[in-house]
Amino acid sequence: KQAELRALTRDYASLAGQYAQHRIRDDGTHEPTGGTVEVTWQPGDGLLEASGFNAKGHPEWHSYIRMSREYAGTGIGHYNNVNSIHGGIQQVIYSKQTRTFNVRGLDHTRKEFTHSWKSKQ
């Protein structure tokens, strides 16, 4: 268990930071939402913790994403909307080259969405 947590930390702790959130439209264009995503690494649990904020800085959602050791750069998590019992599932793929998370999700109504989190650093 400790070796697994160390390996996950080695692979994913560097992904912590602030990301600009973009909505990916059906035609593939990226539309800035004005929102940000703050990602932190939780070494004791081997998870990425992500919090989404709208353009005015108010929290919108929160999630824990379990990254894979088997499939590098991929992860899955569950998010909860702030002030609501509703949430959904997030699947993420991280690109080291672009420092971007590509996110596919499914909300509680089974509506699909795609977002991109682009590093602000």
PDB file of N, CA and C in Angstrom:
ATOM      1  N   LYS A   1       0.839  -1.209   0.000  1.00  0.00           N
ATOM      2  CA  LYS A   1       0.000   0.000   0.000  1.00  0.00           C
ATOM      3  C   LYS A   1       0.872   1.257   0.000  1.00  0.00           C
ATOM      4  N   GLN A   2       1.893   1.295   0.857  1.00  0.00           N
ATOM      5  CA  GLN A   2       2.769   2.472   0.905  1.00  0.00           C
ATOM      6  C   GLN A   2       3.541   2.652  -0.397  1.00  0.00           C
ATOM      7  N   ALA A   3       3.995   1.564  -0.981  1.00  0.00           N
ATOM      8  CA  ALA A   3       4.717   1.645  -2.261  1.00  0.00           C
ATOM      9  C   ALA A   3       3.797   2.173  -3.359  1.00  0.00           C
ATOM     10  N   GLU A   4       2.550   1.743  -3.335  1.00  0.00           N
ATOM     11  CA  GLU A   4       1.567   2.220  -4.315  1.00  0.00           C
ATOM     12  C   GLU A   4       1.327   3.724  -4.150  1.00  0.00           C
ATOM     13  N   LEU A   5       1.172   4.190  -2.907  1.00  0.00           N
ATOM     14  CA  LEU A   5       0.963   5.617  -2.656  1.00  0.00           C
ATOM     15  C   LEU A   5       2.182   6.438  -3.070  1.00  0.00           C
ATOM     16  N   ARG A   6       3.378   5.933  -2.810  1.00  0.00           N
ATOM     17  CA  ARG A   6       4.593   6.639  -3.237  1.00  0.00           C
ATOM     18  C   ARG A   6       4.663   6.736  -4.760  1.00  0.00           C
ATOM     19  N   ALA A   7       4.313   5.654  -5.439  1.00  0.00           N
ATOM     20  CA  ALA A   7       4.337   5.652  -6.903  1.00  0.00           C
ATOM     21  C   ALA A   7       3.308   6.637  -7.466  1.00  0.00           C
ATOM     22  N   LEU A   8       2.117   6.652  -6.896  1.00  0.00           N
ATOM     23  CA  LEU A   8       1.085   7.601  -7.338  1.00  0.00           C
ATOM     24  C   LEU A   8       1.540   9.035  -7.090  1.00  0.00           C
ATOM     25  N   THR A   9       2.126   9.285  -5.921  1.00  0.00           N
ATOM     26  CA  THR A   9       2.622  10.628  -5.606  1.00  0.00           C
ATOM     27  C   THR A   9       3.696  11.044  -6.595  1.00  0.00           C
ATOM     28  N   ARG A  10       4.623  10.146  -6.893  1.00  0.00           N
ATOM     29  CA  ARG A  10       5.681  10.446  -7.866  1.00  0.00           C
ATOM     30  C   ARG A  10       5.080  10.812  -9.233  1.00  0.00           C
ATOM     31  N   ASP A  11       4.047  10.092  -9.643  1.00  0.00           N
ATOM     32  CA  ASP A  11       3.457  10.298 -10.967  1.00  0.00           C
ATOM     33  C   ASP A  11       2.525  11.507 -11.042  1.00  0.00           C
ATOM     34  N   TYR A  12       1.825  11.817  -9.939  1.00  0.00           N
ATOM     35  CA  TYR A  12       0.719  12.776 -10.060  1.00  0.00           C
ATOM     36  C   TYR A  12       0.771  14.010  -9.164  1.00  0.00           C
ATOM     37  N   ALA A  13       1.645  14.063  -8.174  1.00  0.00           N
ATOM     38  CA  ALA A  13       1.682  15.231  -7.282  1.00  0.00           C
ATOM     39  C   ALA A  13       1.968  16.519  -8.053  1.00  0.00           C
ATOM     40  N   SER A  14       2.742  16.417  -9.122  1.00  0.00           N
ATOM     41  CA  SER A  14       3.111  17.607  -9.904  1.00  0.00           C
ATOM     42  C   SER A  14       1.937  18.211 -10.669  1.00  0.00           C
ATOM     43  N   LEU A  15       0.806  17.537 -10.709  1.00  0.00           N
ATOM     44  CA  LEU A  15      -0.356  18.059 -11.432  1.00  0.00           C
ATOM     45  C   LEU A  15      -1.122  19.096 -10.610  1.00  0.00           C
ATOM     46  N   ALA A  16      -0.771  19.241  -9.343  1.00  0.00           N
ATOM     47  CA  ALA A  16      -1.445  20.230  -8.493  1.00  0.00           C
ATOM     48  C   ALA A  16      -1.216  21.623  -9.070  1.00  0.00           C
ATOM     49  N   GLY A  17      -2.244  22.452  -9.004  1.00  0.00           N
ATOM     50  CA  GLY A  17      -2.131  23.819  -9.487  1.00  0.00           C
ATOM     51  C   GLY A  17      -3.487  24.381  -9.884  1.00  0.00           C
ATOM     52  N   GLN A  18      -3.436  25.539 -10.529  1.00  0.00           N
ATOM     53  CA  GLN A  18      -4.664  26.194 -10.989  1.00  0.00           C
ATOM     54  C   GLN A  18      -4.800  26.022 -12.493  1.00  0.00           C
ATOM     55  N   TYR A  19      -6.021  25.765 -12.908  1.00  0.00           N
ATOM     56  CA  TYR A  19      -6.336  25.519 -14.311  1.00  0.00           C
ATOM     57  C   TYR A  19      -7.507  26.394 -14.737  1.00  0.00           C
ATOM     58  N   ALA A  20      -7.435  26.903 -15.962  1.00  0.00           N
ATOM     59  CA  ALA A  20      -8.560  27.639 -16.546  1.00  0.00           C
ATOM     60  C   ALA A  20      -9.521  26.621 -17.146  1.00  0.00           C
ATOM     61  N   GLN A  21     -10.799  26.795 -16.867  1.00  0.00           N
ATOM     62  CA  GLN A  21     -11.793  25.836 -17.359  1.00  0.00           C
ATOM     63  C   GLN A  21     -12.379  26.288 -18.693  1.00  0.00           C
ATOM     64  N   HIS A  22     -12.469  25.349 -19.627  1.00  0.00           N
ATOM     65  CA  HIS A  22     -13.062  25.579 -20.942  1.00  0.00           C
ATOM     66  C   HIS A  22     -14.122  24.512 -21.193  1.00  0.00           C
ATOM     67  N   ARG A  23     -15.179  24.915 -21.834  1.00  0.00           N
ATOM     68  CA  ARG A  23     -16.207  23.987 -22.292  1.00  0.00           C
ATOM     69  C   ARG A  23     -15.829  23.599 -23.719  1.00  0.00           C
ATOM     70  N   ILE A  24     -15.900  22.325 -24.034  1.00  0.00           N
ATOM     71  CA  ILE A  24     -15.610  21.894 -25.401  1.00  0.00           C
ATOM     72  C   ILE A  24     -16.937  21.688 -26.112  1.00  0.00           C
ATOM     73  N   ARG A  25     -17.128  22.480 -27.153  1.00  0.00           N
ATOM     74  CA  ARG A  25     -18.381  22.423 -27.917  1.00  0.00           C
ATOM     75  C   ARG A  25     -18.395  21.197 -28.826  1.00  0.00           C
ATOM     76  N   ASP A  26     -19.565  20.903 -29.368  1.00  0.00           N
ATOM     77  CA  ASP A  26     -19.717  19.742 -30.253  1.00  0.00           C
ATOM     78  C   ASP A  26     -18.802  19.815 -31.471  1.00  0.00           C
ATOM     79  N   ASP A  27     -18.474  21.044 -31.914  1.00  0.00           N
ATOM     80  CA  ASP A  27     -17.600  21.186 -33.090  1.00  0.00           C
ATOM     81  C   ASP A  27     -16.113  21.139 -32.722  1.00  0.00           C
ATOM     82  N   GLY A  28     -15.825  20.909 -31.423  1.00  0.00           N
ATOM     83  CA  GLY A  28     -14.445  20.767 -30.985  1.00  0.00           C
ATOM     84  C   GLY A  28     -13.787  22.056 -30.520  1.00  0.00           C
ATOM     85  N   THR A  29     -14.452  23.195 -30.673  1.00  0.00           N
ATOM     86  CA  THR A  29     -13.864  24.448 -30.220  1.00  0.00           C
ATOM     87  C   THR A  29     -13.924  24.537 -28.698  1.00  0.00           C
ATOM     88  N   HIS A  30     -12.929  25.226 -28.138  1.00  0.00           N
ATOM     89  CA  HIS A  30     -12.844  25.400 -26.687  1.00  0.00           C
ATOM     90  C   HIS A  30     -13.361  26.779 -26.326  1.00  0.00           C
ATOM     91  N   GLU A  31     -14.387  26.818 -25.487  1.00  0.00           N
ATOM     92  CA  GLU A  31     -15.009  28.070 -25.065  1.00  0.00           C
ATOM     93  C   GLU A  31     -14.630  28.322 -23.603  1.00  0.00           C
ATOM     94  N   PRO A  32     -13.875  29.398 -23.332  1.00  0.00           N
ATOM     95  CA  PRO A  32     -13.539  29.691 -21.932  1.00  0.00           C
ATOM     96  C   PRO A  32     -14.813  29.956 -21.132  1.00  0.00           C
ATOM     97  N   THR A  33     -14.891  29.370 -19.949  1.00  0.00           N
ATOM     98  CA  THR A  33     -16.051  29.610 -19.082  1.00  0.00           C
ATOM     99  C   THR A  33     -15.784  30.776 -18.142  1.00  0.00           C
ATOM    100  N   GLY A  34     -14.506  31.167 -18.018  1.00  0.00           N
ATOM    101  CA  GLY A  34     -14.131  32.181 -17.048  1.00  0.00           C
ATOM    102  C   GLY A  34     -13.865  31.578 -15.682  1.00  0.00           C
ATOM    103  N   GLY A  35     -14.187  30.306 -15.528  1.00  0.00           N
ATOM    104  CA  GLY A  35     -13.996  29.632 -14.259  1.00  0.00           C
ATOM    105  C   GLY A  35     -12.606  29.036 -14.119  1.00  0.00           C
ATOM    106  N   THR A  36     -12.296  28.634 -12.907  1.00  0.00           N
ATOM    107  CA  THR A  36     -11.012  27.998 -12.638  1.00  0.00           C
ATOM    108  C   THR A  36     -11.242  26.681 -11.898  1.00  0.00           C
ATOM    109  N   VAL A  37     -10.239  25.830 -11.996  1.00  0.00           N
ATOM    110  CA  VAL A  37     -10.233  24.572 -11.263  1.00  0.00           C
ATOM    111  C   VAL A  37      -8.943  24.541 -10.461  1.00  0.00           C
ATOM    112  N   GLU A  38      -9.070  24.329  -9.166  1.00  0.00           N
ATOM    113  CA  GLU A  38      -7.897  24.188  -8.304  1.00  0.00           C
ATOM    114  C   GLU A  38      -7.705  22.708  -8.014  1.00  0.00           C
ATOM    115  N   VAL A  39      -6.525  22.206  -8.345  1.00  0.00           N
ATOM    116  CA  VAL A  39      -6.214  20.790  -8.160  1.00  0.00           C
ATOM    117  C   VAL A  39      -5.126  20.663  -7.096  1.00  0.00           C
ATOM    118  N   THR A  40      -5.365  19.809  -6.112  1.00  0.00           N
ATOM    119  CA  THR A  40      -4.361  19.517  -5.092  1.00  0.00           C
ATOM    120  C   THR A  40      -4.157  18.007  -5.041  1.00  0.00           C
ATOM    121  N   TRP A  41      -2.986  17.606  -4.566  1.00  0.00           N
ATOM    122  CA  TRP A  41      -2.677  16.185  -4.421  1.00  0.00           C
ATOM    123  C   TRP A  41      -2.865  15.785  -2.964  1.00  0.00           C
ATOM    124  N   GLN A  42      -3.551  14.678  -2.742  1.00  0.00           N
ATOM    125  CA  GLN A  42      -3.778  14.138  -1.403  1.00  0.00           C
ATOM    126  C   GLN A  42      -2.924  12.876  -1.260  1.00  0.00           C
ATOM    127  N   PRO A  43      -1.652  13.013  -0.789  1.00  0.00           N
ATOM    128  CA  PRO A  43      -0.737  11.870  -0.797  1.00  0.00           C
ATOM    129  C   PRO A  43      -1.174  10.714   0.092  1.00  0.00           C
ATOM    130  N   GLY A  44      -1.865  11.003   1.174  1.00  0.00           N
ATOM    131  CA  GLY A  44      -2.295   9.931   2.073  1.00  0.00           C
ATOM    132  C   GLY A  44      -3.353   9.031   1.461  1.00  0.00           C
ATOM    133  N   ASP A  45      -4.121   9.595   0.513  1.00  0.00           N
ATOM    134  CA  ASP A  45      -5.187   8.832  -0.137  1.00  0.00           C
ATOM    135  C   ASP A  45      -4.846   8.473  -1.576  1.00  0.00           C
ATOM    136  N   GLY A  46      -3.796   9.092  -2.133  1.00  0.00           N
ATOM    137  CA  GLY A  46      -3.443   8.841  -3.525  1.00  0.00           C
ATOM    138  C   GLY A  46      -4.487   9.372  -4.489  1.00  0.00           C
ATOM    139  N   LEU A  47      -5.042  10.544  -4.179  1.00  0.00           N
ATOM    140  CA  LEU A  47      -6.113  11.137  -4.987  1.00  0.00           C
ATOM    141  C   LEU A  47      -5.786  12.565  -5.381  1.00  0.00           C
ATOM    142  N   LEU A  48      -6.311  12.977  -6.531  1.00  0.00           N
ATOM    143  CA  LEU A  48      -6.347  14.396  -6.871  1.00  0.00           C
ATOM    144  C   LEU A  48      -7.660  14.939  -6.328  1.00  0.00           C
ATOM    145  N   GLU A  49      -7.585  16.079  -5.666  1.00  0.00           N
ATOM    146  CA  GLU A  49      -8.781  16.763  -5.198  1.00  0.00           C
ATOM    147  C   GLU A  49      -8.956  17.974  -6.094  1.00  0.00           C
ATOM    148  N   ALA A  50     -10.123  18.112  -6.694  1.00  0.00           N
ATOM    149  CA  ALA A  50     -10.372  19.220  -7.615  1.00  0.00           C
ATOM    150  C   ALA A  50     -11.590  20.003  -7.150  1.00  0.00           C
ATOM    151  N   SER A  51     -11.469  21.334  -7.227  1.00  0.00           N
ATOM    152  CA  SER A  51     -12.583  22.224  -6.888  1.00  0.00           C
ATOM    153  C   SER A  51     -12.776  23.205  -8.027  1.00  0.00           C
ATOM    154  N   GLY A  52     -14.017  23.316  -8.489  1.00  0.00           N
ATOM    155  CA  GLY A  52     -14.337  24.226  -9.582  1.00  0.00           C
ATOM    156  C   GLY A  52     -14.968  25.500  -9.057  1.00  0.00           C
ATOM    157  N   PHE A  53     -14.522  26.625  -9.614  1.00  0.00           N
ATOM    158  CA  PHE A  53     -15.028  27.943  -9.234  1.00  0.00           C
ATOM    159  C   PHE A  53     -15.525  28.665 -10.470  1.00  0.00           C
ATOM    160  N   ASN A  54     -16.629  29.406 -10.341  1.00  0.00           N
ATOM    161  CA  ASN A  54     -17.142  30.168 -11.487  1.00  0.00           C
ATOM    162  C   ASN A  54     -16.297  31.421 -11.710  1.00  0.00           C
ATOM    163  N   ALA A  55     -16.672  32.206 -12.710  1.00  0.00           N
ATOM    164  CA  ALA A  55     -15.891  33.395 -13.092  1.00  0.00           C
ATOM    165  C   ALA A  55     -15.777  34.413 -11.961  1.00  0.00           C
ATOM    166  N   LYS A  56     -16.733  34.418 -11.040  1.00  0.00           N
ATOM    167  CA  LYS A  56     -16.694  35.362  -9.920  1.00  0.00           C
ATOM    168  C   LYS A  56     -15.962  34.787  -8.712  1.00  0.00           C
ATOM    169  N   GLY A  57     -15.429  33.569  -8.842  1.00  0.00           N
ATOM    170  CA  GLY A  57     -14.672  32.961  -7.757  1.00  0.00           C
ATOM    171  C   GLY A  57     -15.490  32.170  -6.757  1.00  0.00           C
ATOM    172  N   HIS A  58     -16.780  31.986  -7.037  1.00  0.00           N
ATOM    173  CA  HIS A  58     -17.644  31.226  -6.128  1.00  0.00           C
ATOM    174  C   HIS A  58     -17.536  29.726  -6.442  1.00  0.00           C
ATOM    175  N   PRO A  59     -17.461  28.880  -5.407  1.00  0.00           N
ATOM    176  CA  PRO A  59     -17.350  27.440  -5.651  1.00  0.00           C
ATOM    177  C   PRO A  59     -18.589  26.889  -6.343  1.00  0.00           C
ATOM    178  N   GLU A  60     -18.359  25.972  -7.300  1.00  0.00           N
ATOM    179  CA  GLU A  60     -19.459  25.335  -8.033  1.00  0.00           C
ATOM    180  C   GLU A  60     -19.537  23.837  -7.775  1.00  0.00           C
ATOM    181  N   TRP A  61     -18.390  23.167  -7.688  1.00  0.00           N
ATOM    182  CA  TRP A  61     -18.362  21.726  -7.503  1.00  0.00           C
ATOM    183  C   TRP A  61     -17.043  21.309  -6.854  1.00  0.00           C
ATOM    184  N   HIS A  62     -17.011  20.054  -6.397  1.00  0.00           N
ATOM    185  CA  HIS A  62     -15.834  19.507  -5.728  1.00  0.00           C
ATOM    186  C   HIS A  62     -15.757  18.022  -6.075  1.00  0.00           C
ATOM    187  N   SER A  63     -14.529  17.528  -6.326  1.00  0.00           N
ATOM    188  CA  SER A  63     -14.408  16.108  -6.650  1.00  0.00           C
ATOM    189  C   SER A  63     -13.108  15.520  -6.139  1.00  0.00           C
ATOM    190  N   TYR A  64     -13.106  14.211  -6.058  1.00  0.00           N
ATOM    191  CA  TYR A  64     -11.911  13.421  -5.775  1.00  0.00           C
ATOM    192  C   TYR A  64     -11.710  12.502  -6.971  1.00  0.00           C
ATOM    193  N   ILE A  65     -10.511  12.546  -7.539  1.00  0.00           N
ATOM    194  CA  ILE A  65     -10.220  11.786  -8.753  1.00  0.00           C
ATOM    195  C   ILE A  65      -9.120  10.777  -8.445  1.00  0.00           C
ATOM    196  N   ARG A  66      -9.425   9.522  -8.683  1.00  0.00           N
ATOM    197  CA  ARG A  66      -8.438   8.453  -8.501  1.00  0.00           C
ATOM    198  C   ARG A  66      -7.720   8.245  -9.824  1.00  0.00           C
ATOM    199  N   MET A  67      -6.424   8.555  -9.821  1.00  0.00           N
ATOM    200  CA  MET A  67      -5.617   8.400 -11.021  1.00  0.00           C
ATOM    201  C   MET A  67      -5.133   6.957 -11.118  1.00  0.00           C
ATOM    202  N   SER A  68      -4.911   6.505 -12.338  1.00  0.00           N
ATOM    203  CA  SER A  68      -4.538   5.122 -12.598  1.00  0.00           C
ATOM    204  C   SER A  68      -3.027   4.940 -12.625  1.00  0.00           C
ATOM    205  N   ARG A  69      -2.555   3.836 -12.093  1.00  0.00           N
ATOM    206  CA  ARG A  69      -1.144   3.449 -12.254  1.00  0.00           C
ATOM    207  C   ARG A  69      -0.999   2.646 -13.539  1.00  0.00           C
ATOM    208  N   GLU A  70      -2.039   1.915 -13.884  1.00  0.00           N
ATOM    209  CA  GLU A  70      -1.988   1.041 -15.057  1.00  0.00           C
ATOM    210  C   GLU A  70      -2.037   1.827 -16.367  1.00  0.00           C
ATOM    211  N   TYR A  71      -2.874   2.847 -16.424  1.00  0.00           N
ATOM    212  CA  TYR A  71      -3.043   3.666 -17.629  1.00  0.00           C
ATOM    213  C   TYR A  71      -2.608   5.087 -17.308  1.00  0.00           C
ATOM    214  N   ALA A  72      -1.350   5.390 -17.573  1.00  0.00           N
ATOM    215  CA  ALA A  72      -0.738   6.667 -17.174  1.00  0.00           C
ATOM    216  C   ALA A  72      -1.549   7.857 -17.668  1.00  0.00           C
ATOM    217  N   GLY A  73      -1.756   8.803 -16.756  1.00  0.00           N
ATOM    218  CA  GLY A  73      -2.430  10.053 -17.094  1.00  0.00           C
ATOM    219  C   GLY A  73      -3.938   9.988 -17.105  1.00  0.00           C
ATOM    220  N   THR A  74      -4.505   8.847 -16.734  1.00  0.00           N
ATOM    221  CA  THR A  74      -5.959   8.728 -16.753  1.00  0.00           C
ATOM    222  C   THR A  74      -6.490   8.589 -15.328  1.00  0.00           C
ATOM    223  N   GLY A  75      -7.725   9.010 -15.147  1.00  0.00           N
ATOM    224  CA  GLY A  75      -8.345   8.894 -13.838  1.00  0.00           C
ATOM    225  C   GLY A  75      -9.852   9.000 -13.926  1.00  0.00           C
ATOM    226  N   ILE A  76     -10.497   8.658 -12.841  1.00  0.00           N
ATOM    227  CA  ILE A  76     -11.949   8.752 -12.768  1.00  0.00           C
ATOM    228  C   ILE A  76     -12.327   9.229 -11.372  1.00  0.00           C
ATOM    229  N   GLY A  77     -13.379  10.009 -11.318  1.00  0.00           N
ATOM    230  CA  GLY A  77     -13.813  10.518 -10.032  1.00  0.00           C
ATOM    231  C   GLY A  77     -15.288  10.825 -10.004  1.00  0.00           C
ATOM    232  N   HIS A  78     -15.731  11.162  -8.830  1.00  0.00           N
ATOM    233  CA  HIS A  78     -17.113  11.560  -8.615  1.00  0.00           C
ATOM    234  C   HIS A  78     -17.105  12.997  -8.121  1.00  0.00           C
ATOM    235  N   TYR A  79     -17.932  13.836  -8.715  1.00  0.00           N
ATOM    236  CA  TYR A  79     -18.022  15.221  -8.254  1.00  0.00           C
ATOM    237  C   TYR A  79     -19.388  15.482  -7.643  1.00  0.00           C
ATOM    238  N   ASN A  80     -19.421  16.444  -6.733  1.00  0.00           N
ATOM    239  CA  ASN A  80     -20.667  16.916  -6.126  1.00  0.00           C
ATOM    240  C   ASN A  80     -20.792  18.401  -6.381  1.00  0.00           C
ATOM    241  N   ASN A  81     -21.974  18.820  -6.777  1.00  0.00           N
ATOM    242  CA  ASN A  81     -22.247  20.243  -6.930  1.00  0.00           C
ATOM    243  C   ASN A  81     -22.365  20.884  -5.556  1.00  0.00           C
ATOM    244  N   VAL A  82     -21.896  22.130  -5.456  1.00  0.00           N
ATOM    245  CA  VAL A  82     -22.009  22.858  -4.203  1.00  0.00           C
ATOM    246  C   VAL A  82     -23.488  23.171  -3.961  1.00  0.00           C
ATOM    247  N   ASN A  83     -23.913  23.113  -2.711  1.00  0.00           N
ATOM    248  CA  ASN A  83     -25.300  23.415  -2.319  1.00  0.00           C
ATOM    249  C   ASN A  83     -26.320  22.505  -2.986  1.00  0.00           C
ATOM    250  N   SER A  84     -25.933  21.266  -3.283  1.00  0.00           N
ATOM    251  CA  SER A  84     -26.840  20.327  -3.922  1.00  0.00           C
ATOM    252  C   SER A  84     -26.394  18.909  -3.585  1.00  0.00           C
ATOM    253  N   ILE A  85     -27.334  17.992  -3.588  1.00  0.00           N
ATOM    254  CA  ILE A  85     -26.973  16.593  -3.394  1.00  0.00           C
ATOM    255  C   ILE A  85     -26.560  15.952  -4.713  1.00  0.00           C
ATOM    256  N   HIS A  86     -26.724  16.689  -5.809  1.00  0.00           N
ATOM    257  CA  HIS A  86     -26.463  16.131  -7.131  1.00  0.00           C
ATOM    258  C   HIS A  86     -25.009  16.293  -7.545  1.00  0.00           C
ATOM    259  N   GLY A  87     -24.585  15.393  -8.366  1.00  0.00           N
ATOM    260  CA  GLY A  87     -23.232  15.419  -8.909  1.00  0.00           C
ATOM    261  C   GLY A  87     -23.167  14.515 -10.116  1.00  0.00           C
ATOM    262  N   GLY A  88     -22.018  13.897 -10.310  1.00  0.00           N
ATOM    263  CA  GLY A  88     -21.865  13.018 -11.449  1.00  0.00           C
ATOM    264  C   GLY A  88     -20.479  12.406 -11.478  1.00  0.00           C
ATOM    265  N   ILE A  89     -20.138  11.868 -12.624  1.00  0.00           N
ATOM    266  CA  ILE A  89     -18.876  11.167 -12.833  1.00  0.00           C
ATOM    267  C   ILE A  89     -17.992  11.987 -13.766  1.00  0.00           C
ATOM    268  N   GLN A  90     -16.687  12.000 -13.484  1.00  0.00           N
ATOM    269  CA  GLN A  90     -15.692  12.651 -14.343  1.00  0.00           C
ATOM    270  C   GLN A  90     -14.652  11.616 -14.751  1.00  0.00           C
ATOM    271  N   GLN A  91     -14.327  11.574 -16.026  1.00  0.00           N
ATOM    272  CA  GLN A  91     -13.202  10.789 -16.523  1.00  0.00           C
ATOM    273  C   GLN A  91     -12.191  11.795 -17.040  1.00  0.00           C
ATOM    274  N   VAL A  92     -10.930  11.657 -16.633  1.00  0.00           N
ATOM    275  CA  VAL A  92      -9.922  12.628 -17.031  1.00  0.00           C
ATOM    276  C   VAL A  92      -8.756  11.943 -17.739  1.00  0.00           C
ATOM    277  N   ILE A  93      -8.193  12.656 -18.691  1.00  0.00           N
ATOM    278  CA  ILE A  93      -6.942  12.267 -19.339  1.00  0.00           C
ATOM    279  C   ILE A  93      -6.045  13.491 -19.285  1.00  0.00           C
ATOM    280  N   TYR A  94      -4.844  13.318 -18.729  1.00  0.00           N
ATOM    281  CA  TYR A  94      -3.915  14.435 -18.593  1.00  0.00           C
ATOM    282  C   TYR A  94      -2.861  14.364 -19.686  1.00  0.00           C
ATOM    283  N   SER A  95      -2.606  15.508 -20.329  1.00  0.00           N
ATOM    284  CA  SER A  95      -1.556  15.619 -21.345  1.00  0.00           C
ATOM    285  C   SER A  95      -0.381  16.399 -20.767  1.00  0.00           C
ATOM    286  N   LYS A  96       0.782  15.741 -20.637  1.00  0.00           N
ATOM    287  CA  LYS A  96       1.979  16.422 -20.143  1.00  0.00           C
ATOM    288  C   LYS A  96       2.431  17.505 -21.124  1.00  0.00           C
ATOM    289  N   GLN A  97       2.286  17.241 -22.426  1.00  0.00           N
ATOM    290  CA  GLN A  97       2.748  18.189 -23.434  1.00  0.00           C
ATOM    291  C   GLN A  97       2.026  19.525 -23.350  1.00  0.00           C
ATOM    292  N   THR A  98       0.730  19.492 -23.129  1.00  0.00           N
ATOM    293  CA  THR A  98      -0.052  20.731 -23.099  1.00  0.00           C
ATOM    294  C   THR A  98      -0.426  21.160 -21.685  1.00  0.00           C
ATOM    295  N   ARG A  99      -0.058  20.355 -20.669  1.00  0.00           N
ATOM    296  CA  ARG A  99      -0.436  20.598 -19.272  1.00  0.00           C
ATOM    297  C   ARG A  99      -1.943  20.858 -19.158  1.00  0.00           C
ATOM    298  N   THR A 100      -2.703  19.948 -19.760  1.00  0.00           N
ATOM    299  CA  THR A 100      -4.151  20.084 -19.845  1.00  0.00           C
ATOM    300  C   THR A 100      -4.838  18.784 -19.445  1.00  0.00           C
ATOM    301  N   PHE A 101      -5.913  18.918 -18.672  1.00  0.00           N
ATOM    302  CA  PHE A 101      -6.807  17.794 -18.414  1.00  0.00           C
ATOM    303  C   PHE A 101      -7.938  17.852 -19.427  1.00  0.00           C
ATOM    304  N   ASN A 102      -8.195  16.750 -20.111  1.00  0.00           N
ATOM    305  CA  ASN A 102      -9.392  16.618 -20.929  1.00  0.00           C
ATOM    306  C   ASN A 102     -10.383  15.825 -20.098  1.00  0.00           C
ATOM    307  N   VAL A 103     -11.567  16.386 -19.908  1.00  0.00           N
ATOM    308  CA  VAL A 103     -12.541  15.832 -18.971  1.00  0.00           C
ATOM    309  C   VAL A 103     -13.825  15.487 -19.713  1.00  0.00           C
ATOM    310  N   ARG A 104     -14.244  14.253 -19.555  1.00  0.00           N
ATOM    311  CA  ARG A 104     -15.563  13.825 -20.036  1.00  0.00           C
ATOM    312  C   ARG A 104     -16.373  13.499 -18.806  1.00  0.00           C
ATOM    313  N   GLY A 105     -17.611  13.898 -18.830  1.00  0.00           N
ATOM    314  CA  GLY A 105     -18.419  13.654 -17.648  1.00  0.00           C
ATOM    315  C   GLY A 105     -19.848  13.305 -17.970  1.00  0.00           C
ATOM    316  N   LEU A 106     -20.509  12.871 -16.924  1.00  0.00           N
ATOM    317  CA  LEU A 106     -21.915  12.526 -16.985  1.00  0.00           C
ATOM    318  C   LEU A 106     -22.541  13.084 -15.714  1.00  0.00           C
ATOM    319  N   ASP A 107     -23.551  13.962 -15.878  1.00  0.00           N
ATOM    320  CA  ASP A 107     -24.163  14.536 -14.684  1.00  0.00           C
ATOM    321  C   ASP A 107     -25.283  13.626 -14.169  1.00  0.00           C
ATOM    322  N   HIS A 108     -25.941  14.055 -13.103  1.00  0.00           N
ATOM    323  CA  HIS A 108     -26.946  13.203 -12.456  1.00  0.00           C
ATOM    324  C   HIS A 108     -28.158  12.933 -13.344  1.00  0.00           C
ATOM    325  N   THR A 109     -28.365  13.746 -14.393  1.00  0.00           N
ATOM    326  CA  THR A 109     -29.476  13.516 -15.323  1.00  0.00           C
ATOM    327  C   THR A 109     -29.028  12.685 -16.521  1.00  0.00           C
ATOM    328  N   ARG A 110     -27.785  12.201 -16.478  1.00  0.00           N
ATOM    329  CA  ARG A 110     -27.162  11.418 -17.541  1.00  0.00           C
ATOM    330  C   ARG A 110     -26.808  12.252 -18.768  1.00  0.00           C
ATOM    331  N   LYS A 111     -26.725  13.559 -18.596  1.00  0.00           N
ATOM    332  CA  LYS A 111     -26.292  14.443 -19.672  1.00  0.00           C
ATOM    333  C   LYS A 111     -24.764  14.447 -19.706  1.00  0.00           C
ATOM    334  N   GLU A 112     -24.208  14.239 -20.905  1.00  0.00           N
ATOM    335  CA  GLU A 112     -22.757  14.222 -21.063  1.00  0.00           C
ATOM    336  C   GLU A 112     -22.212  15.639 -21.231  1.00  0.00           C
ATOM    337  N   PHE A 113     -20.965  15.823 -20.784  1.00  0.00           N
ATOM    338  CA  PHE A 113     -20.286  17.096 -21.005  1.00  0.00           C
ATOM    339  C   PHE A 113     -18.810  16.824 -21.232  1.00  0.00           C
ATOM    340  N   THR A 114     -18.152  17.760 -21.906  1.00  0.00           N
ATOM    341  CA  THR A 114     -16.696  17.690 -22.086  1.00  0.00           C
ATOM    342  C   THR A 114     -16.102  19.041 -21.762  1.00  0.00           C
ATOM    343  N   HIS A 115     -15.062  19.010 -20.959  1.00  0.00           N
ATOM    344  CA  HIS A 115     -14.355  20.223 -20.544  1.00  0.00           C
ATOM    345  C   HIS A 115     -12.871  20.032 -20.743  1.00  0.00           C
ATOM    346  N   SER A 116     -12.181  21.126 -20.694  1.00  0.00           N
ATOM    347  CA  SER A 116     -10.717  21.120 -20.731  1.00  0.00           C
ATOM    348  C   SER A 116     -10.253  22.034 -19.615  1.00  0.00           C
ATOM    349  N   TRP A 117      -9.290  21.532 -18.828  1.00  0.00           N
ATOM    350  CA  TRP A 117      -8.684  22.342 -17.774  1.00  0.00           C
ATOM    351  C   TRP A 117      -7.257  22.627 -18.219  1.00  0.00           C
ATOM    352  N   LYS A 118      -6.971  23.884 -18.532  1.00  0.00           N
ATOM    353  CA  LYS A 118      -5.656  24.274 -19.046  1.00  0.00           C
ATOM    354  C   LYS A 118      -4.843  24.953 -17.945  1.00  0.00           C
ATOM    355  N   SER A 119      -3.620  24.465 -17.742  1.00  0.00           N
ATOM    356  CA  SER A 119      -2.773  24.977 -16.669  1.00  0.00           C
ATOM    357  C   SER A 119      -2.567  26.478 -16.799  1.00  0.00           C
ATOM    358  N   LYS A 120      -2.658  27.174 -15.669  1.00  0.00           N
ATOM    359  CA  LYS A 120      -2.415  28.619 -15.649  1.00  0.00           C
ATOM    360  C   LYS A 120      -0.949  28.933 -15.408  1.00  0.00           C
ATOM    361  N   GLN A 121      -0.117  27.927 -15.064  1.00  0.00           N
ATOM    362  CA  GLN A 121       1.304  28.158 -14.811  1.00  0.00           C
ATOM    363  C   GLN A 121       2.104  28.153 -16.089  1.00  0.00           C
TER     364      GLN A 121
END
